[in-house]
Amino acid sequence: MRGLKTLVVVMGVMLVAGVAILVVAMATRVSQTRPAVMPFAAPPLDLPAGARIESMSVGGDRLVVDVVLSDGGRQLLVIDLATGRRLGVIPLHAAP
């Protein structure tokens, strides 16, 4: 019986010590200063008059913006994510 009591006390102390170690580790990670992120300054993206952005998707280092034009047409704008520069425009037309 005495051995069981000792075992329970030792496991309780280990449990409290483990929780204390976790709290200290979390506090250390939260308090670490993170390096400053360089601000991203890209040129403005000019849309045709009356156009609206329908959706956007990212693939690799490109951003593809699906634009609905004021006349109901659509086009895809391909933008380089590293520079923010427009790489091209893909007009979309319905098949006859």
PDB file of N, CA and C in Angstrom:
ATOM      1  N   MET A   1       0.817  -1.187   0.000  1.00  0.00           N
ATOM      2  CA  MET A   1       0.000   0.000   0.000  1.00  0.00           C
ATOM      3  C   MET A   1       0.869   1.263   0.000  1.00  0.00           C
ATOM      4  N   ARG A   2       1.957   1.183   0.760  1.00  0.00           N
ATOM      5  CA  ARG A   2       2.860   2.327   0.850  1.00  0.00           C
ATOM      6  C   ARG A   2       3.476   2.629  -0.524  1.00  0.00           C
ATOM      7  N   GLY A   3       3.825   1.602  -1.283  1.00  0.00           N
ATOM      8  CA  GLY A   3       4.392   1.762  -2.617  1.00  0.00           C
ATOM      9  C   GLY A   3       3.406   2.412  -3.576  1.00  0.00           C
ATOM     10  N   LEU A   4       2.128   2.084  -3.454  1.00  0.00           N
ATOM     11  CA  LEU A   4       1.098   2.673  -4.299  1.00  0.00           C
ATOM     12  C   LEU A   4       0.951   4.165  -4.027  1.00  0.00           C
ATOM     13  N   LYS A   5       0.980   4.534  -2.754  1.00  0.00           N
ATOM     14  CA  LYS A   5       0.877   5.954  -2.390  1.00  0.00           C
ATOM     15  C   LYS A   5       2.069   6.736  -2.953  1.00  0.00           C
ATOM     16  N   THR A   6       3.252   6.166  -2.854  1.00  0.00           N
ATOM     17  CA  THR A   6       4.452   6.812  -3.390  1.00  0.00           C
ATOM     18  C   THR A   6       4.339   6.981  -4.900  1.00  0.00           C
ATOM     19  N   LEU A   7       3.855   5.944  -5.560  1.00  0.00           N
ATOM     20  CA  LEU A   7       3.693   5.999  -7.009  1.00  0.00           C
ATOM     21  C   LEU A   7       2.699   7.088  -7.417  1.00  0.00           C
ATOM     22  N   VAL A   8       1.591   7.217  -6.700  1.00  0.00           N
ATOM     23  CA  VAL A   8       0.583   8.240  -7.005  1.00  0.00           C
ATOM     24  C   VAL A   8       1.159   9.637  -6.792  1.00  0.00           C
ATOM     25  N   VAL A   9       1.901   9.835  -5.726  1.00  0.00           N
ATOM     26  CA  VAL A   9       2.511  11.145  -5.453  1.00  0.00           C
ATOM     27  C   VAL A   9       3.533  11.497  -6.537  1.00  0.00           C
ATOM     28  N   VAL A  10       4.362  10.543  -6.934  1.00  0.00           N
ATOM     29  CA  VAL A  10       5.382  10.792  -7.963  1.00  0.00           C
ATOM     30  C   VAL A  10       4.716  11.138  -9.287  1.00  0.00           C
ATOM     31  N   MET A  11       3.662  10.400  -9.660  1.00  0.00           N
ATOM     32  CA  MET A  11       2.973  10.701 -10.917  1.00  0.00           C
ATOM     33  C   MET A  11       2.281  12.063 -10.866  1.00  0.00           C
ATOM     34  N   GLY A  12       1.740  12.451  -9.725  1.00  0.00           N
ATOM     35  CA  GLY A  12       1.127  13.765  -9.574  1.00  0.00           C
ATOM     36  C   GLY A  12       2.141  14.878  -9.755  1.00  0.00           C
ATOM     37  N   VAL A  13       3.311  14.703  -9.158  1.00  0.00           N
ATOM     38  CA  VAL A  13       4.383  15.697  -9.300  1.00  0.00           C
ATOM     39  C   VAL A  13       4.827  15.783 -10.754  1.00  0.00           C
ATOM     40  N   MET A  14       4.921  14.639 -11.434  1.00  0.00           N
ATOM     41  CA  MET A  14       5.310  14.648 -12.850  1.00  0.00           C
ATOM     42  C   MET A  14       4.265  15.361 -13.708  1.00  0.00           C
ATOM     43  N   LEU A  15       3.011  15.165 -13.393  1.00  0.00           N
ATOM     44  CA  LEU A  15       1.938  15.815 -14.141  1.00  0.00           C
ATOM     45  C   LEU A  15       2.004  17.333 -13.974  1.00  0.00           C
ATOM     46  N   VAL A  16       2.173  17.801 -12.748  1.00  0.00           N
ATOM     47  CA  VAL A  16       2.267  19.244 -12.490  1.00  0.00           C
ATOM     48  C   VAL A  16       3.510  19.820 -13.162  1.00  0.00           C
ATOM     49  N   ALA A  17       4.638  19.112 -13.105  1.00  0.00           N
ATOM     50  CA  ALA A  17       5.869  19.590 -13.740  1.00  0.00           C
ATOM     51  C   ALA A  17       5.689  19.650 -15.256  1.00  0.00           C
ATOM     52  N   GLY A  18       5.021  18.661 -15.846  1.00  0.00           N
ATOM     53  CA  GLY A  18       4.793  18.673 -17.293  1.00  0.00           C
ATOM     54  C   GLY A  18       3.935  19.847 -17.730  1.00  0.00           C
ATOM     55  N   VAL A  19       2.881  20.138 -16.978  1.00  0.00           N
ATOM     56  CA  VAL A  19       2.031  21.284 -17.307  1.00  0.00           C
ATOM     57  C   VAL A  19       2.822  22.580 -17.178  1.00  0.00           C
ATOM     58  N   ALA A  20       3.646  22.687 -16.137  1.00  0.00           N
ATOM     59  CA  ALA A  20       4.465  23.895 -15.957  1.00  0.00           C
ATOM     60  C   ALA A  20       5.436  24.076 -17.122  1.00  0.00           C
ATOM     61  N   ILE A  21       6.034  22.994 -17.583  1.00  0.00           N
ATOM     62  CA  ILE A  21       6.964  23.072 -18.715  1.00  0.00           C
ATOM     63  C   ILE A  21       6.228  23.514 -19.981  1.00  0.00           C
ATOM     64  N   LEU A  22       5.018  22.991 -20.200  1.00  0.00           N
ATOM     65  CA  LEU A  22       4.237  23.418 -21.358  1.00  0.00           C
ATOM     66  C   LEU A  22       3.902  24.900 -21.302  1.00  0.00           C
ATOM     67  N   VAL A  23       3.520  25.397 -20.132  1.00  0.00           N
ATOM     68  CA  VAL A  23       3.188  26.819 -19.989  1.00  0.00           C
ATOM     69  C   VAL A  23       4.408  27.682 -20.267  1.00  0.00           C
ATOM     70  N   VAL A  24       5.556  27.289 -19.761  1.00  0.00           N
ATOM     71  CA  VAL A  24       6.784  28.058 -19.993  1.00  0.00           C
ATOM     72  C   VAL A  24       7.153  28.039 -21.478  1.00  0.00           C
ATOM     73  N   ALA A  25       7.036  26.890 -22.133  1.00  0.00           N
ATOM     74  CA  ALA A  25       7.362  26.804 -23.559  1.00  0.00           C
ATOM     75  C   ALA A  25       6.430  27.681 -24.390  1.00  0.00           C
ATOM     76  N   MET A  26       5.146  27.670 -24.067  1.00  0.00           N
ATOM     77  CA  MET A  26       4.202  28.510 -24.809  1.00  0.00           C
ATOM     78  C   MET A  26       4.480  29.996 -24.578  1.00  0.00           C
ATOM     79  N   ALA A  27       4.766  30.365 -23.352  1.00  0.00           N
ATOM     80  CA  ALA A  27       5.057  31.770 -23.047  1.00  0.00           C
ATOM     81  C   ALA A  27       6.323  32.230 -23.760  1.00  0.00           C
ATOM     82  N   THR A  28       7.311  31.360 -23.856  1.00  0.00           N
ATOM     83  CA  THR A  28       8.555  31.709 -24.542  1.00  0.00           C
ATOM     84  C   THR A  28       8.304  31.933 -26.030  1.00  0.00           C
ATOM     85  N   ARG A  29       7.520  31.061 -26.646  1.00  0.00           N
ATOM     86  CA  ARG A  29       7.249  31.214 -28.084  1.00  0.00           C
ATOM     87  C   ARG A  29       6.417  32.445 -28.378  1.00  0.00           C
ATOM     88  N   VAL A  30       5.483  32.771 -27.511  1.00  0.00           N
ATOM     89  CA  VAL A  30       4.639  33.950 -27.737  1.00  0.00           C
ATOM     90  C   VAL A  30       5.448  35.227 -27.583  1.00  0.00           C
ATOM     91  N   SER A  31       6.374  35.240 -26.636  1.00  0.00           N
ATOM     92  CA  SER A  31       7.121  36.470 -26.364  1.00  0.00           C
ATOM     93  C   SER A  31       8.276  36.722 -27.324  1.00  0.00           C
ATOM     94  N   GLN A  32       8.649  35.729 -28.138  1.00  0.00           N
ATOM     95  CA  GLN A  32       9.752  35.930 -29.076  1.00  0.00           C
ATOM     96  C   GLN A  32       9.360  36.977 -30.109  1.00  0.00           C
ATOM     97  N   THR A  33      10.272  37.878 -30.373  1.00  0.00           N
ATOM     98  CA  THR A  33      10.001  38.900 -31.378  1.00  0.00           C
ATOM     99  C   THR A  33      10.136  38.289 -32.759  1.00  0.00           C
ATOM    100  N   ARG A  34       9.228  38.631 -33.606  1.00  0.00           N
ATOM    101  CA  ARG A  34       9.244  38.135 -34.974  1.00  0.00           C
ATOM    102  C   ARG A  34       9.889  39.180 -35.864  1.00  0.00           C
ATOM    103  N   PRO A  35      10.592  38.739 -36.904  1.00  0.00           N
ATOM    104  CA  PRO A  35      11.218  39.715 -37.799  1.00  0.00           C
ATOM    105  C   PRO A  35      10.154  40.543 -38.511  1.00  0.00           C
ATOM    106  N   ALA A  36      10.492  41.786 -38.724  1.00  0.00           N
ATOM    107  CA  ALA A  36       9.565  42.694 -39.394  1.00  0.00           C
ATOM    108  C   ALA A  36       9.346  42.244 -40.836  1.00  0.00           C
ATOM    109  N   VAL A  37       8.123  42.261 -41.256  1.00  0.00           N
ATOM    110  CA  VAL A  37       7.780  41.872 -42.616  1.00  0.00           C
ATOM    111  C   VAL A  37       7.875  43.106 -43.504  1.00  0.00           C
ATOM    112  N   MET A  38       8.536  42.932 -44.624  1.00  0.00           N
ATOM    113  CA  MET A  38       8.663  44.040 -45.554  1.00  0.00           C
ATOM    114  C   MET A  38       7.284  44.362 -46.144  1.00  0.00           C
ATOM    115  N   PRO A  39       6.928  45.633 -46.198  1.00  0.00           N
ATOM    116  CA  PRO A  39       5.625  45.973 -46.770  1.00  0.00           C
ATOM    117  C   PRO A  39       5.586  45.642 -48.258  1.00  0.00           C
ATOM    118  N   PHE A  40       4.434  45.215 -48.705  1.00  0.00           N
ATOM    119  CA  PHE A  40       4.257  44.856 -50.109  1.00  0.00           C
ATOM    120  C   PHE A  40       3.612  46.031 -50.815  1.00  0.00           C
ATOM    121  N   ALA A  41       4.305  46.582 -51.761  1.00  0.00           N
ATOM    122  CA  ALA A  41       3.778  47.716 -52.525  1.00  0.00           C
ATOM    123  C   ALA A  41       3.742  47.329 -53.994  1.00  0.00           C
ATOM    124  N   ALA A  42       2.564  47.044 -54.484  1.00  0.00           N
ATOM    125  CA  ALA A  42       2.390  46.664 -55.883  1.00  0.00           C
ATOM    126  C   ALA A  42       1.689  47.802 -56.612  1.00  0.00           C
ATOM    127  N   PRO A  43       1.913  47.887 -57.897  1.00  0.00           N
ATOM    128  CA  PRO A  43       1.197  48.917 -58.658  1.00  0.00           C
ATOM    129  C   PRO A  43      -0.303  48.609 -58.641  1.00  0.00           C
ATOM    130  N   PRO A  44      -1.126  49.640 -58.757  1.00  0.00           N
ATOM    131  CA  PRO A  44      -2.574  49.395 -58.743  1.00  0.00           C
ATOM    132  C   PRO A  44      -3.006  48.576 -59.952  1.00  0.00           C
ATOM    133  N   LEU A  45      -4.039  47.796 -59.754  1.00  0.00           N
ATOM    134  CA  LEU A  45      -4.594  46.969 -60.816  1.00  0.00           C
ATOM    135  C   LEU A  45      -5.773  47.720 -61.424  1.00  0.00           C
ATOM    136  N   ASP A  46      -5.616  48.153 -62.664  1.00  0.00           N
ATOM    137  CA  ASP A  46      -6.666  48.916 -63.334  1.00  0.00           C
ATOM    138  C   ASP A  46      -7.651  47.955 -63.995  1.00  0.00           C
ATOM    139  N   LEU A  47      -8.923  48.089 -63.626  1.00  0.00           N
ATOM    140  CA  LEU A  47      -9.990  47.308 -64.244  1.00  0.00           C
ATOM    141  C   LEU A  47     -10.716  48.173 -65.256  1.00  0.00           C
ATOM    142  N   PRO A  48     -11.267  47.577 -66.308  1.00  0.00           N
ATOM    143  CA  PRO A  48     -12.067  48.358 -67.254  1.00  0.00           C
ATOM    144  C   PRO A  48     -13.271  48.975 -66.541  1.00  0.00           C
ATOM    145  N   ALA A  49     -13.773  50.074 -67.062  1.00  0.00           N
ATOM    146  CA  ALA A  49     -14.902  50.780 -66.447  1.00  0.00           C
ATOM    147  C   ALA A  49     -16.105  49.848 -66.328  1.00  0.00           C
ATOM    148  N   GLY A  50     -16.709  49.811 -65.152  1.00  0.00           N
ATOM    149  CA  GLY A  50     -17.895  49.002 -64.918  1.00  0.00           C
ATOM    150  C   GLY A  50     -17.616  47.533 -64.662  1.00  0.00           C
ATOM    151  N   ALA A  51     -16.381  47.123 -64.648  1.00  0.00           N
ATOM    152  CA  ALA A  51     -16.031  45.719 -64.443  1.00  0.00           C
ATOM    153  C   ALA A  51     -16.015  45.407 -62.953  1.00  0.00           C
ATOM    154  N   ARG A  52     -16.223  44.120 -62.639  1.00  0.00           N
ATOM    155  CA  ARG A  52     -16.127  43.681 -61.246  1.00  0.00           C
ATOM    156  C   ARG A  52     -15.383  42.357 -61.188  1.00  0.00           C
ATOM    157  N   ILE A  53     -14.728  42.121 -60.066  1.00  0.00           N
ATOM    158  CA  ILE A  53     -13.968  40.890 -59.878  1.00  0.00           C
ATOM    159  C   ILE A  53     -14.933  39.797 -59.430  1.00  0.00           C
ATOM    160  N   GLU A  54     -14.961  38.707 -60.196  1.00  0.00           N
ATOM    161  CA  GLU A  54     -15.835  37.568 -59.894  1.00  0.00           C
ATOM    162  C   GLU A  54     -15.147  36.599 -58.934  1.00  0.00           C
ATOM    163  N   SER A  55     -13.889  36.271 -59.226  1.00  0.00           N
ATOM    164  CA  SER A  55     -13.152  35.341 -58.365  1.00  0.00           C
ATOM    165  C   SER A  55     -11.660  35.518 -58.608  1.00  0.00           C
ATOM    166  N   MET A  56     -10.877  34.923 -57.704  1.00  0.00           N
ATOM    167  CA  MET A  56      -9.420  34.937 -57.828  1.00  0.00           C
ATOM    168  C   MET A  56      -8.903  33.563 -57.452  1.00  0.00           C
ATOM    169  N   SER A  57      -7.805  33.162 -58.082  1.00  0.00           N
ATOM    170  CA  SER A  57      -7.163  31.909 -57.714  1.00  0.00           C
ATOM    171  C   SER A  57      -5.656  32.065 -57.865  1.00  0.00           C
ATOM    172  N   VAL A  58      -4.928  31.305 -57.051  1.00  0.00           N
ATOM    173  CA  VAL A  58      -3.472  31.385 -57.027  1.00  0.00           C
ATOM    174  C   VAL A  58      -2.905  30.050 -57.479  1.00  0.00           C
ATOM    175  N   GLY A  59      -1.898  30.118 -58.323  1.00  0.00           N
ATOM    176  CA  GLY A  59      -1.201  28.925 -58.771  1.00  0.00           C
ATOM    177  C   GLY A  59       0.257  29.254 -58.965  1.00  0.00           C
ATOM    178  N   GLY A  60       1.116  28.593 -58.210  1.00  0.00           N
ATOM    179  CA  GLY A  60       2.547  28.889 -58.315  1.00  0.00           C
ATOM    180  C   GLY A  60       2.817  30.313 -57.865  1.00  0.00           C
ATOM    181  N   ASP A  61       3.424  31.085 -58.726  1.00  0.00           N
ATOM    182  CA  ASP A  61       3.705  32.484 -58.395  1.00  0.00           C
ATOM    183  C   ASP A  61       2.818  33.424 -59.203  1.00  0.00           C
ATOM    184  N   ARG A  62       1.630  32.957 -59.569  1.00  0.00           N
ATOM    185  CA  ARG A  62       0.695  33.748 -60.378  1.00  0.00           C
ATOM    186  C   ARG A  62      -0.642  33.890 -59.668  1.00  0.00           C
ATOM    187  N   LEU A  63      -1.276  35.024 -59.848  1.00  0.00           N
ATOM    188  CA  LEU A  63      -2.636  35.263 -59.390  1.00  0.00           C
ATOM    189  C   LEU A  63      -3.489  35.448 -60.635  1.00  0.00           C
ATOM    190  N   VAL A  64      -4.576  34.703 -60.718  1.00  0.00           N
ATOM    191  CA  VAL A  64      -5.483  34.818 -61.855  1.00  0.00           C
ATOM    192  C   VAL A  64      -6.781  35.422 -61.333  1.00  0.00           C
ATOM    193  N   VAL A  65      -7.159  36.567 -61.912  1.00  0.00           N
ATOM    194  CA  VAL A  65      -8.355  37.291 -61.488  1.00  0.00           C
ATOM    195  C   VAL A  65      -9.394  37.161 -62.594  1.00  0.00           C
ATOM    196  N   ASP A  66     -10.556  36.618 -62.240  1.00  0.00           N
ATOM    197  CA  ASP A  66     -11.667  36.472 -63.185  1.00  0.00           C
ATOM    198  C   ASP A  66     -12.502  37.750 -63.099  1.00  0.00           C
ATOM    199  N   VAL A  67     -12.561  38.490 -64.198  1.00  0.00           N
ATOM    200  CA  VAL A  67     -13.239  39.792 -64.232  1.00  0.00           C
ATOM    201  C   VAL A  67     -14.467  39.695 -65.132  1.00  0.00           C
ATOM    202  N   VAL A  68     -15.607  40.180 -64.626  1.00  0.00           N
ATOM    203  CA  VAL A  68     -16.823  40.271 -65.429  1.00  0.00           C
ATOM    204  C   VAL A  68     -16.918  41.713 -65.918  1.00  0.00           C
ATOM    205  N   LEU A  69     -16.963  41.878 -67.230  1.00  0.00           N
ATOM    206  CA  LEU A  69     -16.991  43.213 -67.825  1.00  0.00           C
ATOM    207  C   LEU A  69     -18.405  43.781 -67.810  1.00  0.00           C
ATOM    208  N   SER A  70     -18.523  45.086 -68.024  1.00  0.00           N
ATOM    209  CA  SER A  70     -19.827  45.751 -67.974  1.00  0.00           C
ATOM    210  C   SER A  70     -20.765  45.271 -69.088  1.00  0.00           C
ATOM    211  N   ASP A  71     -20.215  44.798 -70.211  1.00  0.00           N
ATOM    212  CA  ASP A  71     -21.057  44.311 -71.308  1.00  0.00           C
ATOM    213  C   ASP A  71     -21.411  42.830 -71.162  1.00  0.00           C
ATOM    214  N   GLY A  72     -21.025  42.205 -70.037  1.00  0.00           N
ATOM    215  CA  GLY A  72     -21.325  40.799 -69.794  1.00  0.00           C
ATOM    216  C   GLY A  72     -20.207  39.860 -70.182  1.00  0.00           C
ATOM    217  N   GLY A  73     -19.203  40.354 -70.873  1.00  0.00           N
ATOM    218  CA  GLY A  73     -18.050  39.528 -71.240  1.00  0.00           C
ATOM    219  C   GLY A  73     -17.173  39.248 -70.028  1.00  0.00           C
ATOM    220  N   ARG A  74     -16.226  38.350 -70.234  1.00  0.00           N
ATOM    221  CA  ARG A  74     -15.310  37.993 -69.152  1.00  0.00           C
ATOM    222  C   ARG A  74     -13.883  38.001 -69.664  1.00  0.00           C
ATOM    223  N   GLN A  75     -12.967  38.222 -68.734  1.00  0.00           N
ATOM    224  CA  GLN A  75     -11.557  38.108 -69.052  1.00  0.00           C
ATOM    225  C   GLN A  75     -10.802  37.676 -67.804  1.00  0.00           C
ATOM    226  N   LEU A  76      -9.652  37.061 -68.039  1.00  0.00           N
ATOM    227  CA  LEU A  76      -8.781  36.642 -66.952  1.00  0.00           C
ATOM    228  C   LEU A  76      -7.550  37.538 -66.947  1.00  0.00           C
ATOM    229  N   LEU A  77      -7.249  38.121 -65.804  1.00  0.00           N
ATOM    230  CA  LEU A  77      -6.029  38.909 -65.639  1.00  0.00           C
ATOM    231  C   LEU A  77      -5.012  38.034 -64.926  1.00  0.00           C
ATOM    232  N   VAL A  78      -3.816  37.912 -65.489  1.00  0.00           N
ATOM    233  CA  VAL A  78      -2.754  37.103 -64.893  1.00  0.00           C
ATOM    234  C   VAL A  78      -1.734  38.068 -64.303  1.00  0.00           C
ATOM    235  N   ILE A  79      -1.485  37.906 -62.998  1.00  0.00           N
ATOM    236  CA  ILE A  79      -0.628  38.841 -62.267  1.00  0.00           C
ATOM    237  C   ILE A  79       0.504  38.068 -61.599  1.00  0.00           C
ATOM    238  N   ASP A  80       1.720  38.612 -61.684  1.00  0.00           N
ATOM    239  CA  ASP A  80       2.882  38.032 -61.023  1.00  0.00           C
ATOM    240  C   ASP A  80       2.833  38.401 -59.544  1.00  0.00           C
ATOM    241  N   LEU A  81       2.837  37.396 -58.653  1.00  0.00           N
ATOM    242  CA  LEU A  81       2.737  37.677 -57.224  1.00  0.00           C
ATOM    243  C   LEU A  81       3.998  38.322 -56.653  1.00  0.00           C
ATOM    244  N   ALA A  82       5.144  38.082 -57.248  1.00  0.00           N
ATOM    245  CA  ALA A  82       6.390  38.637 -56.723  1.00  0.00           C
ATOM    246  C   ALA A  82       6.467  40.144 -56.933  1.00  0.00           C
ATOM    247  N   THR A  83       5.998  40.605 -58.075  1.00  0.00           N
ATOM    248  CA  THR A  83       6.129  42.032 -58.389  1.00  0.00           C
ATOM    249  C   THR A  83       4.793  42.768 -58.396  1.00  0.00           C
ATOM    250  N   GLY A  84       3.690  42.044 -58.511  1.00  0.00           N
ATOM    251  CA  GLY A  84       2.384  42.686 -58.619  1.00  0.00           C
ATOM    252  C   GLY A  84       2.099  43.203 -60.013  1.00  0.00           C
ATOM    253  N   ARG A  85       2.954  42.861 -60.960  1.00  0.00           N
ATOM    254  CA  ARG A  85       2.835  43.336 -62.342  1.00  0.00           C
ATOM    255  C   ARG A  85       1.868  42.470 -63.129  1.00  0.00           C
ATOM    256  N   ARG A  86       1.069  43.093 -63.979  1.00  0.00           N
ATOM    257  CA  ARG A  86       0.145  42.359 -64.850  1.00  0.00           C
ATOM    258  C   ARG A  86       0.952  41.694 -65.955  1.00  0.00           C
ATOM    259  N   LEU A  87       0.811  40.373 -66.064  1.00  0.00           N
ATOM    260  CA  LEU A  87       1.541  39.626 -67.086  1.00  0.00           C
ATOM    261  C   LEU A  87       0.755  39.500 -68.376  1.00  0.00           C
ATOM    262  N   GLY A  88      -0.568  39.498 -68.262  1.00  0.00           N
ATOM    263  CA  GLY A  88      -1.356  39.368 -69.472  1.00  0.00           C
ATOM    264  C   GLY A  88      -2.841  39.337 -69.181  1.00  0.00           C
ATOM    265  N   VAL A  89      -3.606  39.441 -70.263  1.00  0.00           N
ATOM    266  CA  VAL A  89      -5.060  39.400 -70.195  1.00  0.00           C
ATOM    267  C   VAL A  89      -5.526  38.310 -71.157  1.00  0.00           C
ATOM    268  N   ILE A  90      -6.408  37.454 -70.682  1.00  0.00           N
ATOM    269  CA  ILE A  90      -6.972  36.394 -71.508  1.00  0.00           C
ATOM    270  C   ILE A  90      -8.457  36.669 -71.675  1.00  0.00           C
ATOM    271  N   PRO A  91      -8.889  37.103 -72.859  1.00  0.00           N
ATOM    272  CA  PRO A  91     -10.320  37.326 -73.067  1.00  0.00           C
ATOM    273  C   PRO A  91     -11.044  35.987 -73.190  1.00  0.00           C
ATOM    274  N   LEU A  92     -12.218  35.896 -72.604  1.00  0.00           N
ATOM    275  CA  LEU A  92     -13.021  34.674 -72.666  1.00  0.00           C
ATOM    276  C   LEU A  92     -14.244  34.946 -73.519  1.00  0.00           C
ATOM    277  N   HIS A  93     -14.483  34.094 -74.508  1.00  0.00           N
ATOM    278  CA  HIS A  93     -15.623  34.238 -75.410  1.00  0.00           C
ATOM    279  C   HIS A  93     -16.404  32.941 -75.408  1.00  0.00           C
ATOM    280  N   ALA A  94     -17.721  33.034 -75.507  1.00  0.00           N
ATOM    281  CA  ALA A  94     -18.557  31.842 -75.571  1.00  0.00           C
ATOM    282  C   ALA A  94     -18.398  31.196 -76.945  1.00  0.00           C
ATOM    283  N   ALA A  95     -18.391  29.874 -76.968  1.00  0.00           N
ATOM    284  CA  ALA A  95     -18.285  29.150 -78.223  1.00  0.00           C
ATOM    285  C   ALA A  95     -19.584  29.292 -79.008  1.00  0.00           C
ATOM    286  N   PRO A  96     -19.487  29.447 -80.345  1.00  0.00           N
ATOM    287  CA  PRO A  96     -20.713  29.616 -81.149  1.00  0.00           C
ATOM    288  C   PRO A  96     -21.533  28.344 -81.226  1.00  0.00           C
TER     289      PRO A  96
END
